[in-house]
Amino acid sequence: MALNGKTALVTGICGGMGSEIARYLALSGCTILGIDRYDAETVTDNIEKLTQICKKEVRYFECNLLKRESITDLCQKIDSAVPAGIDILVNNAGVVFLDLLENKTLEGFDEEITVNLTAPFHLSKHFFVSMKKKGWGRIVNISSAFGLVGSPKSTGYSAAKAGLIGLTRGIAVEAAQYGVTCNSICPCTVDTNRETCRSESYEKEYHNYSDC
């Protein structure tokens, strides 16, 4: 698939499916913009390796998808870096906290909804505007098989991923007339290195973090 001249933004780029998606898009001709919640120093090696594989520069932006102000700041930075607007948005980043329903915390549930559902809405809403103007765009939401069928200890994750499928359907119907498509992919367990640049301190704080 030739995507020469297109610019793709991939969230959760620093491990697992994010890195693989970015690599494939780059090899297909895309310029890659990647975001994750790590600071730039932590991900330097990862981005350099990805750049070598892609044989193109990969521009990295730090963003904590739990914070709306962080997403707003990210959008402003990307608008400045790519005045014409991105062409492809891949909402890949995610978080899951596995626990029995009776032990599930509201804080954990809120994080799963925020990262897995609210953040993709925020990014899709913003970048759809430039796609609409150009008459071409692709929004890809990485949901999960857990969004189609439930799984023990995954009430929040399943709810968020099911919501992401609903969000995809809504955007797809509204955006199609402007040459913009929106699709959702629902993988099961994927054999990738989930976190390739996690620091020791980050591991202690977010031991249940996942980007796929």
N, C-alpha and C. Protein backbone atom coordinates (compact mmCIF):
# COMPACT_ATOMS: atom_id res chain seq x y z
N MET A 1 0.85 -1.19 0.00
CA MET A 1 0.00 0.00 0.00
C MET A 1 0.88 1.24 0.00
N ALA A 2 0.75 2.08 -1.02
CA ALA A 2 1.57 3.27 -1.14
C ALA A 2 0.92 4.44 -0.42
N LEU A 3 1.63 5.00 0.54
CA LEU A 3 1.12 6.15 1.29
C LEU A 3 2.14 7.28 1.23
N ASN A 4 2.86 7.37 0.15
CA ASN A 4 3.88 8.39 -0.01
C ASN A 4 3.29 9.78 0.16
N GLY A 5 3.97 10.59 0.98
CA GLY A 5 3.52 11.96 1.18
C GLY A 5 2.51 12.14 2.30
N LYS A 6 2.03 11.03 2.88
CA LYS A 6 1.07 11.12 3.96
C LYS A 6 1.79 11.21 5.31
N THR A 7 1.15 11.89 6.26
CA THR A 7 1.68 12.01 7.61
C THR A 7 0.77 11.26 8.57
N ALA A 8 1.36 10.37 9.37
CA ALA A 8 0.58 9.54 10.30
C ALA A 8 0.98 9.83 11.73
N LEU A 9 -0.01 9.95 12.59
CA LEU A 9 0.20 10.12 14.02
C LEU A 9 -0.21 8.84 14.72
N VAL A 10 0.73 8.24 15.47
CA VAL A 10 0.46 6.98 16.17
C VAL A 10 0.64 7.21 17.67
N THR A 11 -0.39 6.92 18.43
CA THR A 11 -0.28 7.04 19.88
C THR A 11 0.21 5.72 20.48
N GLY A 12 0.90 5.80 21.62
CA GLY A 12 1.45 4.60 22.24
C GLY A 12 2.53 3.99 21.37
N ILE A 13 3.43 4.83 20.87
CA ILE A 13 4.42 4.38 19.88
C ILE A 13 5.60 3.65 20.49
N CYS A 14 5.76 3.71 21.79
CA CYS A 14 7.00 3.22 22.40
C CYS A 14 7.00 1.75 22.80
N GLY A 15 6.18 0.96 22.19
CA GLY A 15 6.21 -0.46 22.48
C GLY A 15 5.05 -1.18 21.82
N GLY A 16 5.14 -2.50 21.77
CA GLY A 16 4.04 -3.32 21.31
C GLY A 16 3.55 -2.96 19.92
N MET A 17 2.24 -2.93 19.78
CA MET A 17 1.64 -2.68 18.48
C MET A 17 1.96 -1.29 17.95
N GLY A 18 2.14 -0.32 18.84
CA GLY A 18 2.43 1.04 18.39
C GLY A 18 3.66 1.12 17.53
N SER A 19 4.74 0.49 17.98
CA SER A 19 5.99 0.48 17.21
C SER A 19 5.82 -0.25 15.89
N GLU A 20 5.10 -1.37 15.91
CA GLU A 20 4.91 -2.16 14.69
C GLU A 20 4.03 -1.42 13.69
N ILE A 21 2.99 -0.76 14.18
CA ILE A 21 2.12 0.02 13.30
C ILE A 21 2.90 1.16 12.66
N ALA A 22 3.70 1.86 13.47
CA ALA A 22 4.51 2.97 12.95
C ALA A 22 5.50 2.47 11.90
N ARG A 23 6.11 1.32 12.17
CA ARG A 23 7.08 0.77 11.22
C ARG A 23 6.41 0.46 9.88
N TYR A 24 5.25 -0.16 9.93
CA TYR A 24 4.55 -0.52 8.70
C TYR A 24 4.14 0.73 7.91
N LEU A 25 3.63 1.72 8.62
CA LEU A 25 3.20 2.94 7.94
C LEU A 25 4.39 3.66 7.31
N ALA A 26 5.52 3.66 8.02
CA ALA A 26 6.73 4.30 7.48
C ALA A 26 7.22 3.57 6.23
N LEU A 27 7.22 2.24 6.28
CA LEU A 27 7.65 1.47 5.12
C LEU A 27 6.69 1.62 3.95
N SER A 28 5.47 2.06 4.25
CA SER A 28 4.48 2.31 3.19
C SER A 28 4.57 3.73 2.65
N GLY A 29 5.49 4.52 3.21
CA GLY A 29 5.73 5.86 2.67
C GLY A 29 5.36 7.01 3.57
N CYS A 30 4.81 6.73 4.75
CA CYS A 30 4.35 7.80 5.64
C CYS A 30 5.50 8.46 6.41
N THR A 31 5.30 9.73 6.70
CA THR A 31 6.10 10.42 7.71
C THR A 31 5.42 10.16 9.05
N ILE A 32 6.21 9.77 10.05
CA ILE A 32 5.64 9.32 11.32
C ILE A 32 5.80 10.36 12.43
N LEU A 33 4.69 10.63 13.10
CA LEU A 33 4.68 11.39 14.35
C LEU A 33 4.22 10.41 15.43
N GLY A 34 4.98 10.31 16.51
CA GLY A 34 4.62 9.37 17.55
C GLY A 34 4.43 10.06 18.89
N ILE A 35 3.49 9.57 19.67
CA ILE A 35 3.31 10.11 21.02
C ILE A 35 3.26 8.98 22.03
N ASP A 36 3.70 9.30 23.24
CA ASP A 36 3.60 8.40 24.37
C ASP A 36 3.74 9.25 25.62
N ARG A 37 3.61 8.64 26.78
CA ARG A 37 3.63 9.41 28.02
C ARG A 37 5.03 9.54 28.62
N TYR A 38 6.03 8.96 27.97
CA TYR A 38 7.40 9.05 28.46
C TYR A 38 8.04 10.38 28.09
N ASP A 39 9.01 10.83 28.88
CA ASP A 39 9.78 12.00 28.48
C ASP A 39 10.74 11.59 27.38
N ALA A 40 11.18 12.59 26.60
CA ALA A 40 11.99 12.32 25.40
C ALA A 40 13.28 11.57 25.71
N GLU A 41 13.90 11.88 26.84
CA GLU A 41 15.17 11.24 27.19
C GLU A 41 14.99 9.74 27.38
N THR A 42 13.87 9.34 27.96
CA THR A 42 13.60 7.93 28.22
C THR A 42 13.43 7.13 26.93
N VAL A 43 12.88 7.76 25.90
CA VAL A 43 12.53 7.03 24.69
C VAL A 43 13.53 7.21 23.55
N THR A 44 14.63 7.91 23.80
CA THR A 44 15.60 8.21 22.73
C THR A 44 16.03 6.96 21.97
N ASP A 45 16.46 5.93 22.69
CA ASP A 45 16.93 4.72 22.03
C ASP A 45 15.84 4.07 21.20
N ASN A 46 14.62 4.04 21.77
CA ASN A 46 13.51 3.41 21.08
C ASN A 46 13.20 4.14 19.76
N ILE A 47 13.16 5.46 19.81
CA ILE A 47 12.85 6.24 18.62
C ILE A 47 13.96 6.13 17.59
N GLU A 48 15.21 6.10 18.05
CA GLU A 48 16.33 5.95 17.12
C GLU A 48 16.27 4.60 16.41
N LYS A 49 15.95 3.55 17.15
CA LYS A 49 15.84 2.22 16.54
C LYS A 49 14.71 2.19 15.52
N LEU A 50 13.60 2.81 15.87
CA LEU A 50 12.46 2.86 14.96
C LEU A 50 12.80 3.67 13.72
N THR A 51 13.56 4.75 13.91
CA THR A 51 13.99 5.57 12.78
C THR A 51 14.88 4.77 11.83
N GLN A 52 15.78 3.97 12.39
CA GLN A 52 16.67 3.15 11.57
C GLN A 52 15.88 2.12 10.77
N ILE A 53 14.90 1.52 11.40
CA ILE A 53 14.07 0.53 10.72
C ILE A 53 13.25 1.18 9.61
N CYS A 54 12.66 2.33 9.93
CA CYS A 54 11.80 3.02 8.97
C CYS A 54 12.59 3.74 7.88
N LYS A 55 13.87 4.03 8.21
CA LYS A 55 14.73 4.80 7.30
C LYS A 55 14.14 6.19 7.05
N LYS A 56 13.42 6.69 8.04
CA LYS A 56 12.86 8.04 8.03
C LYS A 56 12.87 8.58 9.45
N GLU A 57 12.93 9.90 9.56
CA GLU A 57 12.87 10.51 10.89
C GLU A 57 11.51 10.26 11.52
N VAL A 58 11.51 9.89 12.78
CA VAL A 58 10.29 9.73 13.55
C VAL A 58 10.25 10.84 14.58
N ARG A 59 9.29 11.72 14.47
CA ARG A 59 9.17 12.85 15.40
C ARG A 59 8.34 12.42 16.60
N TYR A 60 8.88 12.70 17.78
CA TYR A 60 8.25 12.23 19.01
C TYR A 60 7.71 13.39 19.83
N PHE A 61 6.51 13.17 20.40
CA PHE A 61 5.87 14.17 21.26
C PHE A 61 5.42 13.47 22.55
N GLU A 62 5.79 14.05 23.67
CA GLU A 62 5.34 13.51 24.96
C GLU A 62 3.93 13.99 25.24
N CYS A 63 3.08 13.09 25.69
CA CYS A 63 1.71 13.48 26.03
C CYS A 63 1.11 12.49 27.01
N ASN A 64 0.56 12.99 28.09
CA ASN A 64 -0.14 12.15 29.06
C ASN A 64 -1.64 12.20 28.71
N LEU A 65 -2.14 11.12 28.16
CA LEU A 65 -3.52 11.08 27.69
C LEU A 65 -4.54 11.11 28.82
N LEU A 66 -4.08 11.05 30.06
CA LEU A 66 -4.98 11.18 31.20
C LEU A 66 -5.35 12.64 31.45
N LYS A 67 -4.58 13.56 30.86
CA LYS A 67 -4.77 14.99 31.13
C LYS A 67 -5.23 15.71 29.87
N ARG A 68 -6.41 16.32 29.95
CA ARG A 68 -6.95 17.00 28.77
C ARG A 68 -6.07 18.16 28.32
N GLU A 69 -5.48 18.85 29.28
CA GLU A 69 -4.62 19.98 28.91
C GLU A 69 -3.38 19.50 28.17
N SER A 70 -2.91 18.30 28.50
CA SER A 70 -1.76 17.73 27.81
C SER A 70 -2.11 17.41 26.36
N ILE A 71 -3.32 16.89 26.13
CA ILE A 71 -3.76 16.58 24.77
C ILE A 71 -3.95 17.87 23.97
N THR A 72 -4.52 18.88 24.59
CA THR A 72 -4.70 20.16 23.92
C THR A 72 -3.37 20.76 23.51
N ASP A 73 -2.39 20.69 24.40
CA ASP A 73 -1.05 21.18 24.10
C ASP A 73 -0.42 20.38 22.96
N LEU A 74 -0.61 19.07 22.99
CA LEU A 74 -0.09 18.22 21.92
C LEU A 74 -0.68 18.63 20.57
N CYS A 75 -1.97 18.83 20.51
CA CYS A 75 -2.63 19.20 19.26
C CYS A 75 -2.08 20.51 18.71
N GLN A 76 -1.83 21.45 19.59
CA GLN A 76 -1.27 22.73 19.16
C GLN A 76 0.14 22.56 18.60
N LYS A 77 0.95 21.71 19.23
CA LYS A 77 2.30 21.47 18.75
C LYS A 77 2.29 20.80 17.38
N ILE A 78 1.40 19.85 17.20
CA ILE A 78 1.34 19.15 15.92
C ILE A 78 0.79 20.06 14.83
N ASP A 79 -0.15 20.91 15.17
CA ASP A 79 -0.66 21.89 14.20
C ASP A 79 0.46 22.80 13.71
N SER A 80 1.37 23.16 14.62
CA SER A 80 2.50 24.01 14.25
C SER A 80 3.52 23.24 13.41
N ALA A 81 3.72 21.96 13.77
CA ALA A 81 4.71 21.14 13.06
C ALA A 81 4.22 20.70 11.69
N VAL A 82 2.91 20.50 11.58
CA VAL A 82 2.31 20.04 10.31
C VAL A 82 1.13 20.96 9.98
N PRO A 83 1.40 22.14 9.41
CA PRO A 83 0.34 23.12 9.15
C PRO A 83 -0.80 22.58 8.28
N ALA A 84 -0.49 21.67 7.37
CA ALA A 84 -1.53 21.12 6.49
C ALA A 84 -2.38 20.08 7.19
N GLY A 85 -1.95 19.65 8.37
CA GLY A 85 -2.69 18.66 9.12
C GLY A 85 -2.25 17.24 8.80
N ILE A 86 -2.38 16.35 9.77
CA ILE A 86 -2.02 14.96 9.56
C ILE A 86 -3.05 14.29 8.65
N ASP A 87 -2.67 13.17 8.06
CA ASP A 87 -3.56 12.43 7.16
C ASP A 87 -4.14 11.18 7.81
N ILE A 88 -3.35 10.59 8.71
CA ILE A 88 -3.75 9.32 9.33
C ILE A 88 -3.57 9.43 10.84
N LEU A 89 -4.60 9.05 11.59
CA LEU A 89 -4.53 9.03 13.05
C LEU A 89 -4.77 7.60 13.52
N VAL A 90 -3.82 7.05 14.27
CA VAL A 90 -3.99 5.71 14.84
C VAL A 90 -4.06 5.84 16.35
N ASN A 91 -5.24 5.66 16.90
CA ASN A 91 -5.44 5.71 18.35
C ASN A 91 -5.14 4.33 18.92
N ASN A 92 -3.86 4.12 19.27
CA ASN A 92 -3.39 2.82 19.72
C ASN A 92 -3.16 2.75 21.22
N ALA A 93 -2.77 3.85 21.85
CA ALA A 93 -2.42 3.82 23.28
C ALA A 93 -3.58 3.34 24.13
N GLY A 94 -3.26 2.60 25.17
CA GLY A 94 -4.31 2.10 26.04
C GLY A 94 -3.79 1.75 27.42
N VAL A 95 -4.70 1.54 28.33
CA VAL A 95 -4.33 1.16 29.69
C VAL A 95 -5.36 0.16 30.20
N VAL A 96 -4.88 -0.82 30.99
CA VAL A 96 -5.78 -1.80 31.56
C VAL A 96 -5.35 -2.10 33.00
N PHE A 97 -6.31 -2.18 33.89
CA PHE A 97 -6.07 -2.58 35.27
C PHE A 97 -6.96 -3.80 35.54
N LEU A 98 -6.35 -4.95 35.59
CA LEU A 98 -7.10 -6.19 35.77
C LEU A 98 -7.41 -6.43 37.24
N ASP A 99 -8.70 -6.56 37.54
CA ASP A 99 -9.10 -6.82 38.93
C ASP A 99 -10.53 -7.31 38.95
N LEU A 100 -10.88 -8.05 39.97
CA LEU A 100 -12.25 -8.51 40.14
C LEU A 100 -13.18 -7.31 40.34
N LEU A 101 -14.42 -7.47 39.91
CA LEU A 101 -15.38 -6.37 39.97
C LEU A 101 -15.48 -5.77 41.36
N GLU A 102 -15.54 -6.63 42.40
CA GLU A 102 -15.73 -6.11 43.76
C GLU A 102 -14.50 -5.37 44.27
N ASN A 103 -13.36 -5.59 43.64
CA ASN A 103 -12.13 -4.91 44.05
C ASN A 103 -11.77 -3.73 43.15
N LYS A 104 -12.54 -3.54 42.10
CA LYS A 104 -12.23 -2.50 41.12
C LYS A 104 -12.40 -1.12 41.75
N THR A 105 -11.43 -0.25 41.54
CA THR A 105 -11.53 1.11 42.08
C THR A 105 -12.11 2.05 41.04
N LEU A 106 -12.78 3.08 41.50
CA LEU A 106 -13.31 4.09 40.58
C LEU A 106 -12.19 4.82 39.86
N GLU A 107 -11.07 5.00 40.55
CA GLU A 107 -9.92 5.68 39.94
C GLU A 107 -9.38 4.86 38.76
N GLY A 108 -9.26 3.56 38.96
CA GLY A 108 -8.79 2.70 37.89
C GLY A 108 -9.75 2.67 36.72
N PHE A 109 -11.04 2.57 37.03
CA PHE A 109 -12.08 2.57 35.99
C PHE A 109 -12.03 3.87 35.19
N ASP A 110 -11.92 5.00 35.90
CA ASP A 110 -11.86 6.30 35.24
C ASP A 110 -10.65 6.40 34.31
N GLU A 111 -9.50 5.87 34.74
CA GLU A 111 -8.30 5.92 33.90
C GLU A 111 -8.50 5.12 32.62
N GLU A 112 -9.11 3.95 32.75
CA GLU A 112 -9.35 3.11 31.56
C GLU A 112 -10.28 3.82 30.57
N ILE A 113 -11.32 4.44 31.07
CA ILE A 113 -12.25 5.17 30.19
C ILE A 113 -11.55 6.38 29.56
N THR A 114 -10.76 7.09 30.36
CA THR A 114 -10.10 8.30 29.87
C THR A 114 -9.09 8.02 28.77
N VAL A 115 -8.20 7.05 29.00
CA VAL A 115 -7.15 6.76 28.03
C VAL A 115 -7.70 6.01 26.81
N ASN A 116 -8.56 5.02 27.05
CA ASN A 116 -9.01 4.15 25.98
C ASN A 116 -10.16 4.71 25.15
N LEU A 117 -10.90 5.67 25.70
CA LEU A 117 -12.08 6.17 24.99
C LEU A 117 -12.11 7.68 24.84
N THR A 118 -11.94 8.41 25.95
CA THR A 118 -12.03 9.86 25.88
C THR A 118 -10.90 10.46 25.06
N ALA A 119 -9.68 9.98 25.25
CA ALA A 119 -8.53 10.51 24.50
C ALA A 119 -8.69 10.29 22.99
N PRO A 120 -9.08 9.09 22.51
CA PRO A 120 -9.33 8.93 21.08
C PRO A 120 -10.40 9.88 20.54
N PHE A 121 -11.45 10.14 21.33
CA PHE A 121 -12.46 11.11 20.92
C PHE A 121 -11.84 12.49 20.76
N HIS A 122 -11.06 12.91 21.75
CA HIS A 122 -10.43 14.23 21.74
C HIS A 122 -9.54 14.40 20.51
N LEU A 123 -8.68 13.40 20.25
CA LEU A 123 -7.76 13.49 19.12
C LEU A 123 -8.50 13.41 17.79
N SER A 124 -9.48 12.52 17.70
CA SER A 124 -10.25 12.39 16.46
C SER A 124 -11.00 13.68 16.15
N LYS A 125 -11.61 14.25 17.16
CA LYS A 125 -12.36 15.50 16.99
C LYS A 125 -11.46 16.60 16.44
N HIS A 126 -10.26 16.71 16.99
CA HIS A 126 -9.35 17.79 16.58
C HIS A 126 -8.83 17.57 15.16
N PHE A 127 -8.30 16.41 14.88
CA PHE A 127 -7.63 16.20 13.60
C PHE A 127 -8.59 15.91 12.45
N PHE A 128 -9.83 15.60 12.76
CA PHE A 128 -10.84 15.43 11.71
C PHE A 128 -11.03 16.72 10.92
N VAL A 129 -10.89 17.86 11.58
CA VAL A 129 -11.13 19.15 10.92
C VAL A 129 -10.24 19.33 9.69
N SER A 130 -8.94 19.08 9.84
CA SER A 130 -8.02 19.24 8.71
C SER A 130 -8.23 18.15 7.66
N MET A 131 -8.57 16.94 8.11
CA MET A 131 -8.86 15.86 7.16
C MET A 131 -10.07 16.22 6.31
N LYS A 132 -11.08 16.77 6.94
CA LYS A 132 -12.30 17.17 6.25
C LYS A 132 -12.01 18.23 5.19
N LYS A 133 -11.16 19.19 5.54
CA LYS A 133 -10.80 20.24 4.59
C LYS A 133 -10.08 19.69 3.38
N LYS A 134 -9.21 18.69 3.61
CA LYS A 134 -8.44 18.10 2.52
C LYS A 134 -9.26 17.09 1.71
N GLY A 135 -10.35 16.63 2.28
CA GLY A 135 -11.17 15.64 1.59
C GLY A 135 -10.58 14.24 1.63
N TRP A 136 -9.68 14.01 2.58
CA TRP A 136 -9.07 12.68 2.71
C TRP A 136 -8.52 12.53 4.12
N GLY A 137 -8.78 11.37 4.69
CA GLY A 137 -8.23 11.10 6.01
C GLY A 137 -8.56 9.69 6.46
N ARG A 138 -7.76 9.17 7.38
CA ARG A 138 -7.98 7.83 7.91
C ARG A 138 -7.82 7.88 9.43
N ILE A 139 -8.85 7.45 10.13
CA ILE A 139 -8.80 7.32 11.58
C ILE A 139 -8.94 5.84 11.91
N VAL A 140 -7.95 5.31 12.63
CA VAL A 140 -7.96 3.89 12.99
C VAL A 140 -7.91 3.77 14.51
N ASN A 141 -8.93 3.17 15.07
CA ASN A 141 -9.00 2.99 16.52
C ASN A 141 -8.68 1.54 16.88
N ILE A 142 -7.65 1.36 17.69
CA ILE A 142 -7.30 0.02 18.13
C ILE A 142 -8.13 -0.34 19.35
N SER A 143 -9.18 -1.10 19.11
CA SER A 143 -10.03 -1.58 20.20
C SER A 143 -9.48 -2.91 20.68
N SER A 144 -10.32 -3.87 20.95
CA SER A 144 -9.87 -5.16 21.48
C SER A 144 -10.98 -6.18 21.34
N ALA A 145 -10.58 -7.44 21.31
CA ALA A 145 -11.58 -8.51 21.35
C ALA A 145 -12.39 -8.41 22.63
N PHE A 146 -11.80 -7.84 23.69
CA PHE A 146 -12.52 -7.66 24.94
C PHE A 146 -13.63 -6.62 24.82
N GLY A 147 -13.59 -5.83 23.77
CA GLY A 147 -14.67 -4.89 23.51
C GLY A 147 -15.86 -5.55 22.84
N LEU A 148 -15.65 -6.77 22.34
CA LEU A 148 -16.71 -7.54 21.68
C LEU A 148 -17.29 -8.59 22.62
N VAL A 149 -16.42 -9.21 23.42
CA VAL A 149 -16.86 -10.19 24.41
C VAL A 149 -16.16 -9.87 25.73
N GLY A 150 -16.83 -10.11 26.82
CA GLY A 150 -16.26 -9.80 28.12
C GLY A 150 -15.17 -10.78 28.53
N SER A 151 -14.46 -10.40 29.57
CA SER A 151 -13.41 -11.25 30.12
C SER A 151 -13.32 -10.99 31.61
N PRO A 152 -13.04 -12.01 32.41
CA PRO A 152 -12.92 -11.80 33.86
C PRO A 152 -11.88 -10.75 34.18
N LYS A 153 -12.17 -9.94 35.17
CA LYS A 153 -11.26 -8.90 35.68
C LYS A 153 -11.04 -7.73 34.70
N SER A 154 -11.86 -7.63 33.68
CA SER A 154 -11.61 -6.56 32.69
C SER A 154 -12.84 -5.69 32.46
N THR A 155 -13.63 -5.46 33.52
CA THR A 155 -14.87 -4.71 33.35
C THR A 155 -14.63 -3.31 32.77
N GLY A 156 -13.66 -2.59 33.32
CA GLY A 156 -13.39 -1.24 32.84
C GLY A 156 -12.81 -1.23 31.44
N TYR A 157 -11.87 -2.12 31.19
CA TYR A 157 -11.23 -2.21 29.88
C TYR A 157 -12.24 -2.60 28.81
N SER A 158 -13.07 -3.61 29.11
CA SER A 158 -14.08 -4.06 28.16
C SER A 158 -15.08 -2.95 27.86
N ALA A 159 -15.49 -2.23 28.90
CA ALA A 159 -16.44 -1.13 28.71
C ALA A 159 -15.86 -0.04 27.82
N ALA A 160 -14.59 0.31 28.07
CA ALA A 160 -13.94 1.36 27.29
C ALA A 160 -13.75 0.95 25.84
N LYS A 161 -13.32 -0.30 25.62
CA LYS A 161 -13.08 -0.77 24.26
C LYS A 161 -14.38 -0.96 23.49
N ALA A 162 -15.44 -1.36 24.17
CA ALA A 162 -16.75 -1.43 23.52
C ALA A 162 -17.22 -0.03 23.14
N GLY A 163 -16.97 0.92 24.03
CA GLY A 163 -17.31 2.31 23.73
C GLY A 163 -16.53 2.84 22.55
N LEU A 164 -15.27 2.40 22.41
CA LEU A 164 -14.44 2.85 21.30
C LEU A 164 -15.00 2.34 19.97
N ILE A 165 -15.56 1.14 19.98
CA ILE A 165 -16.20 0.62 18.77
C ILE A 165 -17.42 1.47 18.42
N GLY A 166 -18.21 1.85 19.43
CA GLY A 166 -19.35 2.72 19.19
C GLY A 166 -18.92 4.09 18.68
N LEU A 167 -17.85 4.63 19.24
CA LEU A 167 -17.32 5.91 18.77
C LEU A 167 -16.90 5.81 17.31
N THR A 168 -16.25 4.70 16.97
CA THR A 168 -15.82 4.48 15.59
C THR A 168 -17.00 4.50 14.63
N ARG A 169 -18.05 3.81 14.99
CA ARG A 169 -19.23 3.75 14.12
C ARG A 169 -19.84 5.14 13.93
N GLY A 170 -19.91 5.90 15.01
CA GLY A 170 -20.47 7.25 14.92
C GLY A 170 -19.66 8.16 14.02
N ILE A 171 -18.33 8.14 14.21
CA ILE A 171 -17.44 8.97 13.39
C ILE A 171 -17.51 8.54 11.93
N ALA A 172 -17.51 7.22 11.69
CA ALA A 172 -17.50 6.70 10.33
C ALA A 172 -18.68 7.20 9.53
N VAL A 173 -19.87 7.16 10.11
CA VAL A 173 -21.07 7.60 9.41
C VAL A 173 -21.02 9.10 9.12
N GLU A 174 -20.53 9.87 10.08
CA GLU A 174 -20.47 11.32 9.92
C GLU A 174 -19.37 11.77 8.97
N ALA A 175 -18.25 11.05 8.95
CA ALA A 175 -17.07 11.50 8.21
C ALA A 175 -17.02 11.01 6.76
N ALA A 176 -17.75 9.95 6.44
CA ALA A 176 -17.63 9.32 5.13
C ALA A 176 -17.86 10.29 3.97
N GLN A 177 -18.80 11.19 4.11
CA GLN A 177 -19.13 12.11 3.02
C GLN A 177 -17.99 13.08 2.71
N TYR A 178 -17.01 13.17 3.59
CA TYR A 178 -15.89 14.08 3.39
C TYR A 178 -14.61 13.34 2.95
N GLY A 179 -14.74 12.07 2.62
CA GLY A 179 -13.57 11.31 2.20
C GLY A 179 -12.71 10.84 3.35
N VAL A 180 -13.28 10.84 4.54
CA VAL A 180 -12.55 10.39 5.74
C VAL A 180 -13.17 9.10 6.24
N THR A 181 -12.37 8.08 6.40
CA THR A 181 -12.87 6.81 6.93
C THR A 181 -12.44 6.64 8.38
N CYS A 182 -13.22 5.86 9.11
CA CYS A 182 -12.90 5.55 10.50
C CYS A 182 -13.20 4.08 10.73
N ASN A 183 -12.19 3.35 11.15
CA ASN A 183 -12.33 1.91 11.37
C ASN A 183 -11.76 1.52 12.72
N SER A 184 -12.26 0.43 13.24
CA SER A 184 -11.78 -0.09 14.51
C SER A 184 -11.22 -1.50 14.30
N ILE A 185 -10.07 -1.77 14.90
CA ILE A 185 -9.46 -3.09 14.85
C ILE A 185 -9.56 -3.70 16.24
N CYS A 186 -9.96 -4.97 16.30
CA CYS A 186 -10.20 -5.62 17.59
C CYS A 186 -9.33 -6.85 17.77
N PRO A 187 -8.04 -6.67 18.03
CA PRO A 187 -7.15 -7.82 18.20
C PRO A 187 -7.36 -8.51 19.54
N CYS A 188 -6.95 -9.77 19.59
CA CYS A 188 -6.86 -10.47 20.86
C CYS A 188 -5.43 -10.28 21.35
N THR A 189 -4.86 -11.20 22.08
CA THR A 189 -3.49 -11.07 22.55
C THR A 189 -2.53 -11.03 21.37
N VAL A 190 -1.61 -10.08 21.39
CA VAL A 190 -0.66 -9.90 20.29
C VAL A 190 0.75 -10.15 20.81
N ASP A 191 1.52 -10.93 20.08
CA ASP A 191 2.87 -11.29 20.51
C ASP A 191 3.86 -10.20 20.13
N THR A 192 3.83 -9.11 20.88
CA THR A 192 4.78 -8.02 20.69
C THR A 192 5.35 -7.64 22.04
N ASN A 193 6.46 -6.93 22.02
CA ASN A 193 7.08 -6.44 23.25
C ASN A 193 6.29 -5.24 23.71
N ARG A 194 5.44 -5.41 24.71
CA ARG A 194 4.47 -4.38 25.08
C ARG A 194 5.11 -3.06 25.45
N GLU A 195 6.19 -3.09 26.20
CA GLU A 195 6.84 -1.87 26.65
C GLU A 195 8.34 -1.98 26.39
N THR A 196 8.84 -1.28 25.38
CA THR A 196 10.25 -1.41 25.04
C THR A 196 11.13 -0.37 25.71
N CYS A 197 10.54 0.62 26.36
CA CYS A 197 11.38 1.67 26.94
C CYS A 197 10.92 2.07 28.33
N ARG A 198 10.29 1.17 29.03
CA ARG A 198 9.79 1.50 30.36
C ARG A 198 10.95 1.62 31.33
N SER A 199 10.96 2.70 32.09
CA SER A 199 12.01 2.91 33.08
C SER A 199 11.66 2.17 34.37
N GLU A 200 12.66 1.98 35.24
CA GLU A 200 12.42 1.27 36.49
C GLU A 200 11.41 2.01 37.37
N SER A 201 11.52 3.33 37.44
CA SER A 201 10.59 4.11 38.26
C SER A 201 9.19 4.05 37.68
N TYR A 202 9.09 4.05 36.36
CA TYR A 202 7.78 3.99 35.72
C TYR A 202 7.14 2.64 35.95
N GLU A 203 7.96 1.60 35.94
CA GLU A 203 7.47 0.24 36.17
C GLU A 203 6.80 0.15 37.54
N LYS A 204 7.39 0.79 38.54
CA LYS A 204 6.84 0.72 39.89
C LYS A 204 5.52 1.47 39.98
N GLU A 205 5.41 2.56 39.23
CA GLU A 205 4.20 3.39 39.35
C GLU A 205 3.05 2.86 38.51
N TYR A 206 3.36 2.32 37.31
CA TYR A 206 2.32 1.88 36.40
C TYR A 206 2.53 0.41 36.02
N HIS A 207 2.52 -0.47 37.03
CA HIS A 207 2.85 -1.87 36.77
C HIS A 207 1.81 -2.57 35.93
N ASN A 208 0.61 -2.02 35.81
CA ASN A 208 -0.41 -2.66 35.00
C ASN A 208 -0.62 -1.97 33.66
N TYR A 209 0.26 -1.03 33.33
CA TYR A 209 0.08 -0.26 32.10
C TYR A 209 0.26 -1.13 30.87
N SER A 210 -0.59 -0.91 29.88
CA SER A 210 -0.49 -1.63 28.61
C SER A 210 -0.82 -0.69 27.48
N ASP A 211 -0.19 -0.88 26.33
CA ASP A 211 -0.54 -0.05 25.19
C ASP A 211 -1.21 -0.85 24.10
N CYS A 212 -1.71 -2.02 24.42
CA CYS A 212 -2.40 -2.80 23.40
C CYS A 212 -3.41 -3.74 24.06
